[in-house]
Amino acid sequence: MSEEELQSQVDAAKAYEALMVPALFGQWASKVLDAAQVGKGQRVLDVACGTGILAREAASRTGSTGFVAGLDPGPGMLEAAKQLAPAVDWRQGVAELLPFPDHSFDAVVSQFGLMFFSDRCEALRQALRVLAPEGCLAVAVWDRLDSIPAYAAEVTLLERLAGPQAAAAVRAPFVLGDRQDLAALFEDAGVASVEVTTEQGRARFPSARVMVEADLRGWLPVMGVVLPEEQIARILEEAELVLEPYVNRDGTVAFDTSVHIVTGNKG
């Protein structure tokens, strides 16, 4: 990768951190770490760490006597994460082949990454492998799309104006929303004492345009969908009408979200 390509990825990661973390992801870090019972002096691994919101929160809990590592396949995400928290051990890699010895961590955590792993069962088996005998696994995934109507409305809009591939890209984060199927996935991977808890949250964006444009220019290209500017302009214009039920008087957008947090251990 050229220096220019890396810098482009870093810039995208910083934009993600500035917009998506406060709008969607930041609020869940404490809940995932509570579920994993992360405390002072522990060793914690954040899988699919992105720009590191979960790892940073873990480091604040484990303190100077603890150890926190963050793993992600994206060099841009990791460089941005390193700039925000240089004390965390940031590693490039994939969930299906964790670069750590057996029993290395007291807690393995992940938020909003499991749905994108190429082999979810193997990723969970790897998490168990590096987990200490008395350790805890905690993973957050989005609820079903129909439980988050604002995103369901965006998917319908994209289906109509951009086609099934664009709609599928925004639908993808919600594919593990069925609680029974989710629990079965963890049990099939060998996770013991599986519990699925559904938590309520609140998404907040500066505007409807910002919310949808973040997907059109940020998320869709990651998923291999690049739309022409004329199409983007039309979608953004209609998005303000489609998302009007979620727009506040000051123009900001806010809506309820729900997330499944799955916990388990080695048994």
Protein backbone atom coordinates (compact mmCIF):
# COMPACT_ATOMS: atom_id res chain seq x y z
CA MET A 1 0.00 0.00 0.00
CA SER A 2 1.32 3.42 -0.95
CA GLU A 3 1.67 6.23 1.58
CA GLU A 4 -1.08 8.11 -0.24
CA GLU A 5 -3.47 5.14 -0.02
CA LEU A 6 -2.73 4.70 3.67
CA GLN A 7 -3.35 8.38 4.35
CA SER A 8 -6.66 8.15 2.51
CA GLN A 9 -7.66 5.24 4.77
CA VAL A 10 -6.55 7.14 7.87
CA ASP A 11 -8.59 10.18 6.83
CA ALA A 12 -11.64 7.96 6.32
CA ALA A 13 -11.08 6.34 9.72
CA LYS A 14 -10.85 9.73 11.42
CA ALA A 15 -14.10 10.79 9.76
CA TYR A 16 -15.68 7.55 11.02
CA GLU A 17 -14.42 8.28 14.54
CA ALA A 18 -15.70 11.86 14.45
CA LEU A 19 -19.19 11.02 13.16
CA MET A 20 -20.15 7.39 13.68
CA VAL A 21 -18.65 6.82 17.14
CA PRO A 22 -20.64 9.59 18.87
CA ALA A 23 -23.72 8.99 16.71
CA LEU A 24 -23.97 5.21 17.05
CA PHE A 25 -21.12 3.24 18.58
CA GLY A 26 -19.71 5.07 21.60
CA GLN A 27 -22.68 4.49 23.89
CA TRP A 28 -22.31 0.70 23.67
CA ALA A 29 -18.71 0.39 24.86
CA SER A 30 -19.52 0.59 28.57
CA LYS A 31 -22.40 -1.89 28.21
CA VAL A 32 -20.25 -4.46 26.43
CA LEU A 33 -17.48 -4.12 29.02
CA ASP A 34 -20.00 -4.36 31.86
CA ALA A 35 -21.28 -7.59 30.28
CA ALA A 36 -17.70 -8.91 30.14
CA GLN A 37 -17.11 -7.82 33.75
CA VAL A 38 -13.94 -5.95 32.77
CA GLY A 39 -12.10 -4.44 35.71
CA LYS A 40 -8.76 -3.26 37.04
CA GLY A 41 -5.67 -5.27 36.14
CA GLN A 42 -7.34 -7.47 33.53
CA ARG A 43 -6.10 -8.48 30.08
CA VAL A 44 -8.63 -7.53 27.39
CA LEU A 45 -8.79 -8.13 23.63
CA ASP A 46 -11.03 -6.01 21.38
CA VAL A 47 -11.67 -7.90 18.12
CA ALA A 48 -12.57 -5.83 15.03
CA CYS A 49 -11.63 -2.76 17.04
CA GLY A 50 -12.00 -0.13 14.30
CA THR A 51 -10.76 3.19 15.66
CA GLY A 52 -10.76 1.68 19.14
CA ILE A 53 -13.64 3.09 21.17
CA LEU A 54 -14.13 -0.22 23.00
CA ALA A 55 -10.41 -0.77 23.59
CA ARG A 56 -9.98 2.79 24.89
CA GLU A 57 -12.81 2.34 27.36
CA ALA A 58 -11.33 -1.00 28.40
CA ALA A 59 -7.94 0.63 29.02
CA SER A 60 -9.55 3.22 31.27
CA ARG A 61 -11.00 0.37 33.34
CA THR A 62 -8.01 -1.97 33.50
CA GLY A 63 -5.60 0.81 34.47
CA SER A 64 -1.82 0.70 34.53
CA THR A 65 -1.74 -2.89 35.81
CA GLY A 66 -3.90 -4.21 32.97
CA PHE A 67 -3.24 -4.93 29.29
CA VAL A 68 -5.46 -4.08 26.33
CA ALA A 69 -5.01 -5.16 22.71
CA GLY A 70 -7.06 -4.15 19.69
CA LEU A 71 -7.17 -6.16 16.46
CA ASP A 72 -8.50 -5.03 13.08
CA PRO A 73 -7.76 -5.86 9.41
CA GLY A 74 -7.73 -2.19 8.35
CA PRO A 75 -4.40 -0.31 8.51
CA GLY A 76 -6.19 3.05 8.34
CA MET A 77 -8.40 2.21 11.30
CA LEU A 78 -5.40 1.01 13.30
CA GLU A 79 -3.31 4.10 12.55
CA ALA A 80 -6.17 6.34 13.68
CA ALA A 81 -6.63 4.17 16.79
CA LYS A 82 -2.92 4.37 17.59
CA GLN A 83 -2.98 8.15 17.42
CA LEU A 84 -5.89 8.24 19.87
CA ALA A 85 -4.48 5.68 22.33
CA PRO A 86 -0.79 4.84 21.82
CA ALA A 87 -0.63 2.71 25.01
CA VAL A 88 -2.97 0.05 23.59
CA ASP A 89 -1.33 -2.86 21.72
CA TRP A 90 -2.83 -2.42 18.24
CA ARG A 91 -2.47 -5.39 15.88
CA GLN A 92 -3.44 -5.91 12.24
CA GLY A 93 -5.18 -9.23 11.69
CA VAL A 94 -8.46 -11.08 11.32
CA ALA A 95 -10.81 -12.63 13.86
CA GLU A 96 -10.50 -16.07 12.29
CA LEU A 97 -6.76 -16.24 13.05
CA LEU A 98 -5.97 -14.33 16.23
CA PRO A 99 -2.22 -13.63 16.62
CA PHE A 100 -2.14 -14.42 20.35
CA PRO A 101 -1.31 -17.50 22.42
CA ASP A 102 -3.93 -19.66 24.13
CA HIS A 103 -5.45 -18.33 27.37
CA SER A 104 -3.98 -14.83 26.85
CA PHE A 105 -6.98 -12.73 27.94
CA ASP A 106 -9.41 -12.40 30.83
CA ALA A 107 -11.99 -10.90 28.48
CA VAL A 108 -12.50 -10.98 24.71
CA VAL A 109 -14.94 -8.35 23.46
CA SER A 110 -16.23 -7.17 20.12
CA GLN A 111 -18.91 -4.77 19.00
CA PHE A 112 -20.56 -4.70 15.58
CA GLY A 113 -17.94 -6.84 13.86
CA LEU A 114 -19.24 -10.43 14.06
CA MET A 115 -21.69 -10.03 11.16
CA PHE A 116 -18.81 -9.21 8.79
CA PHE A 117 -16.44 -12.06 9.66
CA SER A 118 -15.87 -14.51 6.81
CA ASP A 119 -16.25 -17.50 9.19
CA ARG A 120 -18.21 -16.52 12.29
CA CYS A 121 -17.92 -19.90 13.98
CA GLU A 122 -14.16 -19.99 13.57
CA ALA A 123 -13.89 -16.41 14.87
CA LEU A 124 -15.78 -17.42 18.01
CA ARG A 125 -13.62 -20.54 18.40
CA GLN A 126 -10.52 -18.36 18.17
CA ALA A 127 -11.95 -16.04 20.83
CA LEU A 128 -12.44 -19.04 23.11
CA ARG A 129 -8.91 -20.25 22.39
CA VAL A 130 -7.28 -17.03 23.59
CA LEU A 131 -9.67 -16.68 26.54
CA ALA A 132 -8.46 -17.67 29.99
CA PRO A 133 -10.31 -20.56 31.69
CA GLU A 134 -12.30 -18.22 33.93
CA GLY A 135 -12.58 -15.46 31.30
CA CYS A 136 -15.64 -13.93 29.69
CA LEU A 137 -16.64 -13.34 26.07
CA ALA A 138 -18.99 -10.43 25.22
CA VAL A 139 -20.11 -9.56 21.69
CA ALA A 140 -22.54 -6.87 20.52
CA VAL A 141 -24.55 -7.07 17.28
CA TRP A 142 -27.44 -4.99 15.98
CA ASP A 143 -31.01 -6.15 16.42
CA ARG A 144 -33.16 -6.97 13.36
CA LEU A 145 -33.64 -4.21 10.82
CA ASP A 146 -37.40 -4.02 11.45
CA SER A 147 -36.62 -3.16 15.08
CA ILE A 148 -34.80 0.01 13.96
CA PRO A 149 -37.33 1.74 11.64
CA ALA A 150 -35.10 4.69 10.69
CA TYR A 151 -32.57 2.38 9.04
CA ALA A 152 -35.38 0.27 7.58
CA ALA A 153 -36.64 3.46 5.90
CA GLU A 154 -33.16 4.19 4.53
CA VAL A 155 -32.89 0.66 3.13
CA THR A 156 -36.26 1.03 1.39
CA LEU A 157 -35.14 4.36 -0.07
CA LEU A 158 -31.92 2.87 -1.41
CA GLU A 159 -33.75 -0.14 -2.83
CA ARG A 160 -35.97 2.24 -4.80
CA LEU A 161 -33.37 4.75 -5.97
CA ALA A 162 -30.10 2.78 -6.10
CA GLY A 163 -31.04 -0.87 -6.43
CA PRO A 164 -30.71 -4.08 -4.40
CA GLN A 165 -26.91 -4.05 -4.03
CA ALA A 166 -26.88 -0.63 -2.35
CA ALA A 167 -29.81 -1.61 -0.13
CA ALA A 168 -28.09 -4.87 0.83
CA ALA A 169 -24.99 -2.95 1.95
CA VAL A 170 -27.00 -0.99 4.53
CA ARG A 171 -29.02 -4.08 5.49
CA ALA A 172 -25.83 -6.10 6.18
CA PRO A 173 -25.14 -4.88 9.75
CA PHE A 174 -28.53 -6.24 10.88
CA VAL A 175 -28.25 -9.83 9.61
CA LEU A 176 -27.62 -11.34 13.07
CA GLY A 177 -30.67 -9.75 14.66
CA ASP A 178 -32.62 -12.96 15.33
CA ARG A 179 -31.99 -13.86 18.98
CA GLN A 180 -32.48 -17.62 18.60
CA ASP A 181 -30.23 -17.90 15.57
CA LEU A 182 -27.64 -15.76 17.33
CA ALA A 183 -27.59 -17.95 20.42
CA ALA A 184 -27.36 -21.06 18.23
CA LEU A 185 -24.32 -19.62 16.41
CA PHE A 186 -22.44 -19.19 19.70
CA GLU A 187 -23.45 -22.62 20.98
CA ASP A 188 -22.42 -24.28 17.70
CA ALA A 189 -19.00 -22.64 18.08
CA GLY A 190 -18.57 -24.22 21.51
CA VAL A 191 -19.34 -21.19 23.68
CA ALA A 192 -20.76 -22.22 27.07
CA SER A 193 -23.33 -20.44 29.27
CA VAL A 194 -24.61 -18.38 26.33
CA GLU A 195 -26.90 -15.48 27.26
CA VAL A 196 -28.44 -12.95 24.86
CA THR A 197 -29.53 -9.63 26.34
CA THR A 198 -31.27 -6.96 24.25
CA GLU A 199 -30.42 -3.37 25.21
CA GLN A 200 -32.01 -0.13 24.02
CA GLY A 201 -30.01 2.85 22.78
CA ARG A 202 -30.41 6.13 20.94
CA ALA A 203 -28.77 7.21 17.69
CA ARG A 204 -28.05 10.90 17.11
CA PHE A 205 -26.89 12.53 13.86
CA PRO A 206 -26.39 16.23 13.01
CA SER A 207 -28.96 15.92 10.19
CA ALA A 208 -30.73 13.43 7.94
CA ARG A 209 -28.37 14.35 5.15
CA VAL A 210 -25.29 13.64 7.26
CA MET A 211 -26.68 10.28 8.38
CA VAL A 212 -27.37 9.03 4.87
CA GLU A 213 -24.32 10.62 3.26
CA ALA A 214 -22.12 8.81 5.77
CA ASP A 215 -23.47 5.55 4.37
CA LEU A 216 -23.39 6.61 0.72
CA ARG A 217 -19.82 7.93 0.75
CA GLY A 218 -18.35 5.90 3.59
CA TRP A 219 -20.07 2.58 4.11
CA LEU A 220 -21.25 1.68 0.59
CA PRO A 221 -17.76 1.97 -0.98
CA VAL A 222 -16.41 -0.31 1.76
CA MET A 223 -19.05 -2.84 0.68
CA GLY A 224 -18.08 -2.42 -2.98
CA VAL A 225 -20.90 -0.07 -4.03
CA VAL A 226 -19.90 3.30 -5.51
CA LEU A 227 -22.78 5.49 -6.69
CA PRO A 228 -22.52 8.36 -9.20
CA GLU A 229 -22.83 11.90 -7.84
CA GLU A 230 -26.19 12.54 -9.53
CA GLN A 231 -27.66 9.49 -7.84
CA ILE A 232 -26.20 10.48 -4.46
CA ALA A 233 -27.72 13.96 -4.79
CA ARG A 234 -31.17 12.53 -5.53
CA ILE A 235 -31.00 10.09 -2.62
CA LEU A 236 -29.93 12.82 -0.19
CA GLU A 237 -32.76 15.06 -1.33
CA GLU A 238 -35.37 12.36 -0.74
CA ALA A 239 -33.73 11.20 2.50
CA GLU A 240 -34.77 14.39 4.24
CA LEU A 241 -38.42 13.56 3.48
CA VAL A 242 -38.15 9.86 4.30
CA LEU A 243 -36.46 10.52 7.65
CA GLU A 244 -38.64 13.48 8.60
CA PRO A 245 -40.34 11.56 11.46
CA TYR A 246 -36.95 11.40 13.21
CA VAL A 247 -35.91 15.03 12.67
CA ASN A 248 -35.96 17.37 15.68
CA ARG A 249 -36.79 21.07 15.58
CA ASP A 250 -33.10 21.96 15.42
CA GLY A 251 -32.60 19.70 12.36
CA THR A 252 -30.79 16.93 14.21
CA VAL A 253 -31.89 13.33 13.78
CA ALA A 254 -32.53 11.00 16.71
CA PHE A 255 -34.10 7.55 16.86
CA ASP A 256 -34.21 4.46 19.03
CA THR A 257 -31.87 1.55 18.40
CA SER A 258 -31.58 -1.90 19.90
CA VAL A 259 -28.60 -4.19 20.26
CA HIS A 260 -28.08 -7.79 21.33
CA ILE A 261 -25.16 -8.38 23.71
CA VAL A 262 -24.13 -12.04 23.81
CA THR A 263 -22.04 -13.35 26.69
CA GLY A 264 -20.46 -16.72 27.32
CA ASN A 265 -17.35 -18.55 28.46
CA LYS A 266 -15.21 -21.61 27.88
CA GLY A 267 -17.33 -23.82 30.11
